[in-house]
């Protein structure tokens, strides 16, 4: 299943890497470098899935997710994190509370990205009425 995916990260090399992975699989990729840009993009052209870094300058992924829940509570989200100061378990718990369906830990492999997307999109299909 091909999807429209919004990728949010303040690091251009991460955006490029994910774009290449997704476009090679036939997905349409929208991108943003912070939460403000992402919300504008989301409202203008809602994607099937959002992949967002949690920690960015400006409006970070946490603030973005909080706002996204008010705009589109059913949105499918994959949160990304390089770790930072919090242990992995706390980041996962935090991302879950914010409405993320799974977490990608940086650095990640092509397979990890595609596996996470597959799982989240499969969940969406299974939760649709008539399934």
N, C-alpha and C. Protein backbone atom coordinates (compact mmCIF):
# COMPACT_ATOMS: atom_id res chain seq x y z
N UNK A 1 0.85 -1.19 0.00
CA UNK A 1 0.00 0.00 0.00
C UNK A 1 0.89 1.25 0.00
N UNK A 2 0.71 2.08 -1.00
CA UNK A 2 1.47 3.32 -1.07
C UNK A 2 0.77 4.38 -0.23
N UNK A 3 1.55 5.19 0.44
CA UNK A 3 0.99 6.18 1.35
C UNK A 3 1.63 7.53 1.14
N UNK A 4 0.90 8.57 1.58
CA UNK A 4 1.46 9.92 1.64
C UNK A 4 1.98 10.09 3.06
N UNK A 5 3.29 10.38 3.19
CA UNK A 5 3.94 10.40 4.48
C UNK A 5 4.62 11.74 4.71
N UNK A 6 4.31 12.38 5.83
CA UNK A 6 4.94 13.64 6.23
C UNK A 6 6.09 13.30 7.18
N UNK A 7 7.31 13.73 6.80
CA UNK A 7 8.50 13.48 7.61
C UNK A 7 8.97 14.82 8.18
N UNK A 8 9.18 14.85 9.51
CA UNK A 8 9.57 16.09 10.20
C UNK A 8 10.88 15.86 10.94
N UNK A 9 11.91 16.62 10.56
CA UNK A 9 13.20 16.55 11.24
C UNK A 9 13.97 17.82 10.92
N UNK A 10 14.74 18.31 11.89
CA UNK A 10 15.52 19.53 11.66
C UNK A 10 16.87 19.23 11.00
N UNK A 11 17.19 17.95 10.81
CA UNK A 11 18.46 17.58 10.19
C UNK A 11 18.21 17.20 8.72
N UNK A 12 18.71 18.03 7.77
CA UNK A 12 18.47 17.76 6.35
C UNK A 12 18.92 16.37 5.90
N UNK A 13 20.00 15.86 6.50
CA UNK A 13 20.48 14.54 6.08
C UNK A 13 19.51 13.43 6.49
N UNK A 14 18.83 13.60 7.61
CA UNK A 14 17.82 12.61 8.03
C UNK A 14 16.61 12.67 7.09
N UNK A 15 16.15 13.90 6.78
CA UNK A 15 15.04 14.06 5.85
C UNK A 15 15.36 13.40 4.51
N UNK A 16 16.56 13.65 4.00
CA UNK A 16 16.96 13.09 2.71
C UNK A 16 17.02 11.57 2.77
N UNK A 17 17.60 11.03 3.82
CA UNK A 17 17.71 9.57 3.95
C UNK A 17 16.33 8.91 3.97
N UNK A 18 15.43 9.46 4.77
CA UNK A 18 14.08 8.87 4.86
C UNK A 18 13.34 9.05 3.54
N UNK A 19 13.48 10.22 2.91
CA UNK A 19 12.83 10.47 1.61
C UNK A 19 13.26 9.42 0.59
N UNK A 20 14.56 9.15 0.51
CA UNK A 20 15.07 8.17 -0.45
C UNK A 20 14.49 6.78 -0.18
N UNK A 21 14.46 6.38 1.09
CA UNK A 21 13.91 5.07 1.46
C UNK A 21 12.44 4.98 1.04
N UNK A 22 11.66 6.00 1.39
CA UNK A 22 10.22 5.96 1.14
C UNK A 22 9.89 6.06 -0.34
N UNK A 23 10.56 6.96 -1.05
CA UNK A 23 10.27 7.12 -2.48
C UNK A 23 10.66 5.87 -3.26
N UNK A 24 11.71 5.17 -2.83
CA UNK A 24 12.11 3.91 -3.49
C UNK A 24 11.01 2.85 -3.35
N UNK A 25 10.19 2.99 -2.30
CA UNK A 25 9.08 2.06 -2.08
C UNK A 25 7.77 2.56 -2.70
N UNK A 26 7.82 3.72 -3.36
CA UNK A 26 6.64 4.24 -4.03
C UNK A 26 5.76 5.17 -3.21
N UNK A 27 6.21 5.53 -2.01
CA UNK A 27 5.43 6.43 -1.17
C UNK A 27 5.63 7.88 -1.62
N UNK A 28 4.63 8.71 -1.38
CA UNK A 28 4.74 10.15 -1.62
C UNK A 28 5.25 10.77 -0.32
N UNK A 29 6.27 11.64 -0.42
CA UNK A 29 6.88 12.21 0.78
C UNK A 29 6.69 13.71 0.84
N UNK A 30 6.16 14.17 1.96
CA UNK A 30 6.10 15.59 2.29
C UNK A 30 7.11 15.78 3.41
N UNK A 31 7.74 16.94 3.50
CA UNK A 31 8.70 17.11 4.59
C UNK A 31 8.61 18.49 5.21
N UNK A 32 9.04 18.54 6.47
CA UNK A 32 9.05 19.79 7.24
C UNK A 32 10.25 19.75 8.17
N UNK A 33 10.77 20.94 8.50
CA UNK A 33 11.97 21.00 9.34
C UNK A 33 11.67 21.35 10.79
N UNK A 34 10.38 21.65 11.11
CA UNK A 34 9.98 21.87 12.50
C UNK A 34 8.47 21.69 12.63
N UNK A 35 7.99 21.78 13.86
CA UNK A 35 6.59 21.55 14.13
C UNK A 35 5.65 22.56 13.50
N UNK A 36 6.06 23.83 13.43
CA UNK A 36 5.20 24.85 12.81
C UNK A 36 4.98 24.55 11.34
N UNK A 37 6.07 24.29 10.63
CA UNK A 37 6.00 23.97 9.21
C UNK A 37 5.18 22.69 9.00
N UNK A 38 5.35 21.74 9.89
CA UNK A 38 4.63 20.47 9.79
C UNK A 38 3.13 20.65 9.96
N UNK A 39 2.71 21.45 10.94
CA UNK A 39 1.27 21.68 11.14
C UNK A 39 0.64 22.37 9.94
N UNK A 40 1.35 23.34 9.37
CA UNK A 40 0.86 24.03 8.18
C UNK A 40 0.70 23.03 7.04
N UNK A 41 1.71 22.20 6.84
CA UNK A 41 1.67 21.19 5.79
C UNK A 41 0.55 20.18 6.04
N UNK A 42 0.43 19.72 7.29
CA UNK A 42 -0.60 18.74 7.63
C UNK A 42 -2.00 19.27 7.33
N UNK A 43 -2.25 20.51 7.73
CA UNK A 43 -3.58 21.10 7.53
C UNK A 43 -3.88 21.31 6.05
N UNK A 44 -2.86 21.65 5.26
CA UNK A 44 -3.05 21.91 3.83
C UNK A 44 -3.24 20.61 3.04
N UNK A 45 -2.57 19.55 3.45
CA UNK A 45 -2.58 18.30 2.69
C UNK A 45 -2.35 17.13 3.64
N UNK A 46 -3.40 16.71 4.38
CA UNK A 46 -3.23 15.68 5.41
C UNK A 46 -2.63 14.38 4.86
N UNK A 47 -1.56 13.91 5.47
CA UNK A 47 -0.93 12.66 5.04
C UNK A 47 -1.59 11.44 5.67
N UNK A 48 -1.20 10.27 5.18
CA UNK A 48 -1.67 9.00 5.76
C UNK A 48 -0.90 8.66 7.03
N UNK A 49 0.32 9.20 7.12
CA UNK A 49 1.21 8.85 8.21
C UNK A 49 2.18 10.01 8.45
N UNK A 50 2.54 10.23 9.71
CA UNK A 50 3.53 11.25 10.08
C UNK A 50 4.70 10.55 10.77
N UNK A 51 5.92 10.91 10.35
CA UNK A 51 7.13 10.47 11.04
C UNK A 51 7.80 11.73 11.57
N UNK A 52 7.88 11.87 12.89
CA UNK A 52 8.43 13.10 13.45
C UNK A 52 9.54 12.85 14.46
N UNK A 53 10.58 13.67 14.35
CA UNK A 53 11.60 13.69 15.39
C UNK A 53 10.94 14.30 16.62
N UNK A 54 11.32 13.85 17.81
CA UNK A 54 10.75 14.41 19.03
C UNK A 54 11.47 15.67 19.48
N UNK A 55 12.79 15.70 19.29
CA UNK A 55 13.58 16.81 19.82
C UNK A 55 14.18 17.63 18.69
N UNK A 56 13.63 18.86 18.50
CA UNK A 56 14.07 19.78 17.45
C UNK A 56 14.00 21.19 18.00
N UNK A 57 14.80 22.12 17.42
CA UNK A 57 14.66 23.53 17.81
C UNK A 57 13.31 24.09 17.34
N UNK A 58 12.90 25.21 17.88
CA UNK A 58 11.61 25.79 17.50
C UNK A 58 10.50 24.94 18.09
N UNK A 59 9.45 24.73 17.31
CA UNK A 59 8.36 23.86 17.78
C UNK A 59 8.82 22.42 17.56
N UNK A 60 9.06 21.70 18.66
CA UNK A 60 9.58 20.34 18.53
C UNK A 60 8.47 19.33 18.27
N UNK A 61 8.87 18.08 18.16
CA UNK A 61 7.93 17.02 17.86
C UNK A 61 6.91 16.80 18.97
N UNK A 62 7.30 17.08 20.18
CA UNK A 62 6.38 16.91 21.32
C UNK A 62 5.25 17.93 21.22
N UNK A 63 5.60 19.19 21.00
CA UNK A 63 4.58 20.23 20.84
C UNK A 63 3.72 19.96 19.60
N UNK A 64 4.37 19.50 18.53
CA UNK A 64 3.65 19.17 17.30
C UNK A 64 2.61 18.08 17.58
N UNK A 65 3.02 17.02 18.27
CA UNK A 65 2.10 15.92 18.56
C UNK A 65 0.92 16.37 19.43
N UNK A 66 1.20 17.22 20.41
CA UNK A 66 0.12 17.74 21.26
C UNK A 66 -0.90 18.51 20.42
N UNK A 67 -0.43 19.34 19.50
CA UNK A 67 -1.34 20.09 18.64
C UNK A 67 -2.03 19.18 17.62
N UNK A 68 -1.29 18.23 17.09
CA UNK A 68 -1.86 17.30 16.10
C UNK A 68 -3.05 16.54 16.70
N UNK A 69 -2.94 16.16 17.97
CA UNK A 69 -4.03 15.43 18.62
C UNK A 69 -5.33 16.24 18.64
N UNK A 70 -5.22 17.57 18.70
CA UNK A 70 -6.43 18.40 18.70
C UNK A 70 -6.96 18.58 17.28
N UNK A 71 -6.06 18.61 16.29
CA UNK A 71 -6.45 18.81 14.89
C UNK A 71 -6.96 17.51 14.27
N UNK A 72 -6.26 16.41 14.56
CA UNK A 72 -6.57 15.12 13.94
C UNK A 72 -6.21 13.99 14.89
N UNK A 73 -7.09 13.70 15.86
CA UNK A 73 -6.78 12.71 16.90
C UNK A 73 -6.47 11.31 16.37
N UNK A 74 -6.99 10.95 15.20
CA UNK A 74 -6.78 9.60 14.68
C UNK A 74 -5.53 9.47 13.82
N UNK A 75 -4.73 10.52 13.72
CA UNK A 75 -3.53 10.47 12.87
C UNK A 75 -2.59 9.35 13.28
N UNK A 76 -1.98 8.74 12.27
CA UNK A 76 -0.98 7.69 12.49
C UNK A 76 0.38 8.36 12.59
N UNK A 77 1.13 8.06 13.66
CA UNK A 77 2.40 8.74 13.92
C UNK A 77 3.49 7.76 14.33
N UNK A 78 4.68 7.97 13.76
CA UNK A 78 5.88 7.29 14.20
C UNK A 78 6.79 8.39 14.75
N UNK A 79 7.21 8.25 16.00
CA UNK A 79 8.12 9.22 16.62
C UNK A 79 9.55 8.73 16.44
N UNK A 80 10.47 9.67 16.20
CA UNK A 80 11.89 9.35 16.08
C UNK A 80 12.65 10.03 17.21
N UNK A 81 13.69 9.36 17.67
CA UNK A 81 14.53 9.98 18.68
C UNK A 81 15.94 9.43 18.61
N UNK A 82 16.89 10.33 18.80
CA UNK A 82 18.28 9.93 18.90
C UNK A 82 18.64 9.58 20.33
N UNK A 83 17.66 9.66 21.21
CA UNK A 83 17.91 9.30 22.60
C UNK A 83 17.96 10.52 23.48
N UNK A 84 19.06 11.21 23.45
CA UNK A 84 19.19 12.38 24.31
C UNK A 84 19.32 11.97 25.76
N UNK A 85 18.66 12.71 26.64
CA UNK A 85 18.84 12.51 28.07
C UNK A 85 17.93 11.44 28.67
N UNK A 86 16.88 11.06 27.97
CA UNK A 86 15.94 10.09 28.52
C UNK A 86 16.28 8.66 28.10
N UNK A 87 16.10 7.68 28.99
CA UNK A 87 16.27 6.27 28.60
C UNK A 87 15.20 5.87 27.57
N UNK A 88 15.50 4.88 26.76
CA UNK A 88 14.61 4.42 25.70
C UNK A 88 13.19 4.14 26.21
N UNK A 89 13.07 3.48 27.36
CA UNK A 89 11.74 3.12 27.88
C UNK A 89 10.91 4.37 28.16
N UNK A 90 11.56 5.40 28.71
CA UNK A 90 10.84 6.63 29.01
C UNK A 90 10.42 7.35 27.73
N UNK A 91 11.29 7.33 26.72
CA UNK A 91 10.94 7.96 25.44
C UNK A 91 9.76 7.23 24.81
N UNK A 92 9.78 5.89 24.84
CA UNK A 92 8.67 5.11 24.28
C UNK A 92 7.37 5.42 25.00
N UNK A 93 7.42 5.47 26.31
CA UNK A 93 6.24 5.76 27.12
C UNK A 93 5.72 7.16 26.80
N UNK A 94 6.63 8.11 26.72
CA UNK A 94 6.30 9.50 26.42
C UNK A 94 5.66 9.61 25.04
N UNK A 95 6.26 8.96 24.04
CA UNK A 95 5.74 8.99 22.67
C UNK A 95 4.35 8.38 22.63
N UNK A 96 4.14 7.30 23.36
CA UNK A 96 2.84 6.63 23.40
C UNK A 96 1.78 7.56 23.99
N UNK A 97 2.10 8.24 25.07
CA UNK A 97 1.17 9.18 25.70
C UNK A 97 0.79 10.29 24.72
N UNK A 98 1.74 10.70 23.89
CA UNK A 98 1.51 11.77 22.91
C UNK A 98 0.77 11.29 21.66
N UNK A 99 0.52 9.99 21.57
CA UNK A 99 -0.24 9.48 20.44
C UNK A 99 0.57 8.83 19.34
N UNK A 100 1.86 8.63 19.57
CA UNK A 100 2.68 7.95 18.56
C UNK A 100 2.39 6.45 18.62
N UNK A 101 2.40 5.81 17.47
CA UNK A 101 2.11 4.39 17.40
C UNK A 101 3.35 3.52 17.59
N UNK A 102 4.51 4.07 17.28
CA UNK A 102 5.77 3.37 17.49
C UNK A 102 6.91 4.38 17.50
N UNK A 103 8.10 3.90 17.87
CA UNK A 103 9.26 4.78 17.96
C UNK A 103 10.39 4.22 17.11
N UNK A 104 11.02 5.10 16.33
CA UNK A 104 12.23 4.77 15.60
C UNK A 104 13.40 5.37 16.36
N UNK A 105 14.37 4.57 16.67
CA UNK A 105 15.55 5.03 17.40
C UNK A 105 16.65 5.36 16.39
N UNK A 106 17.16 6.60 16.41
CA UNK A 106 18.26 6.97 15.53
C UNK A 106 19.57 6.46 16.11
N UNK A 107 20.51 6.01 15.31
CA UNK A 107 20.38 5.79 13.86
C UNK A 107 19.55 4.54 13.60
N UNK A 108 18.87 4.52 12.46
CA UNK A 108 18.03 3.38 12.11
C UNK A 108 18.40 2.89 10.72
N UNK A 109 18.02 1.65 10.44
CA UNK A 109 18.29 1.06 9.14
C UNK A 109 17.08 1.23 8.23
N UNK A 110 17.29 1.02 6.96
CA UNK A 110 16.20 1.05 5.97
C UNK A 110 15.10 0.07 6.39
N UNK A 111 15.51 -1.13 6.81
CA UNK A 111 14.55 -2.16 7.21
C UNK A 111 13.72 -1.72 8.42
N UNK A 112 14.37 -1.05 9.39
CA UNK A 112 13.64 -0.58 10.57
C UNK A 112 12.58 0.46 10.19
N UNK A 113 12.93 1.35 9.27
CA UNK A 113 11.98 2.37 8.81
C UNK A 113 10.79 1.69 8.12
N UNK A 114 11.07 0.81 7.19
CA UNK A 114 10.00 0.15 6.43
C UNK A 114 9.15 -0.76 7.32
N UNK A 115 9.77 -1.42 8.28
CA UNK A 115 9.04 -2.27 9.21
C UNK A 115 8.07 -1.44 10.06
N UNK A 116 8.56 -0.31 10.58
CA UNK A 116 7.71 0.56 11.40
C UNK A 116 6.53 1.09 10.58
N UNK A 117 6.79 1.53 9.36
CA UNK A 117 5.73 2.05 8.50
C UNK A 117 4.72 0.95 8.19
N UNK A 118 5.22 -0.23 7.86
CA UNK A 118 4.33 -1.35 7.56
C UNK A 118 3.41 -1.68 8.72
N UNK A 119 3.97 -1.72 9.92
CA UNK A 119 3.17 -2.04 11.11
C UNK A 119 2.09 -0.99 11.35
N UNK A 120 2.46 0.28 11.26
CA UNK A 120 1.49 1.35 11.53
C UNK A 120 0.40 1.40 10.46
N UNK A 121 0.78 1.26 9.20
CA UNK A 121 -0.22 1.29 8.14
C UNK A 121 -1.11 0.05 8.20
N UNK A 122 -0.58 -1.11 8.58
CA UNK A 122 -1.39 -2.31 8.74
C UNK A 122 -2.39 -2.13 9.87
N UNK A 123 -1.99 -1.48 10.97
CA UNK A 123 -2.90 -1.20 12.08
C UNK A 123 -4.07 -0.35 11.58
N UNK A 124 -3.75 0.63 10.74
CA UNK A 124 -4.78 1.52 10.21
C UNK A 124 -5.79 0.71 9.39
N UNK A 125 -5.31 -0.16 8.53
CA UNK A 125 -6.21 -0.96 7.71
C UNK A 125 -7.09 -1.86 8.56
N UNK A 126 -6.49 -2.46 9.59
CA UNK A 126 -7.24 -3.37 10.46
C UNK A 126 -8.30 -2.64 11.27
N UNK A 127 -8.07 -1.36 11.54
CA UNK A 127 -9.02 -0.62 12.39
C UNK A 127 -10.14 0.03 11.59
N UNK A 128 -10.08 -0.05 10.26
CA UNK A 128 -11.14 0.56 9.45
C UNK A 128 -12.41 -0.27 9.53
N UNK A 129 -13.57 0.38 9.49
CA UNK A 129 -14.84 -0.35 9.52
C UNK A 129 -14.92 -1.33 8.36
N UNK A 130 -15.54 -2.48 8.61
CA UNK A 130 -15.72 -3.46 7.56
C UNK A 130 -14.54 -4.42 7.46
N UNK A 131 -13.58 -4.30 8.32
CA UNK A 131 -12.41 -5.20 8.32
C UNK A 131 -12.59 -6.26 9.36
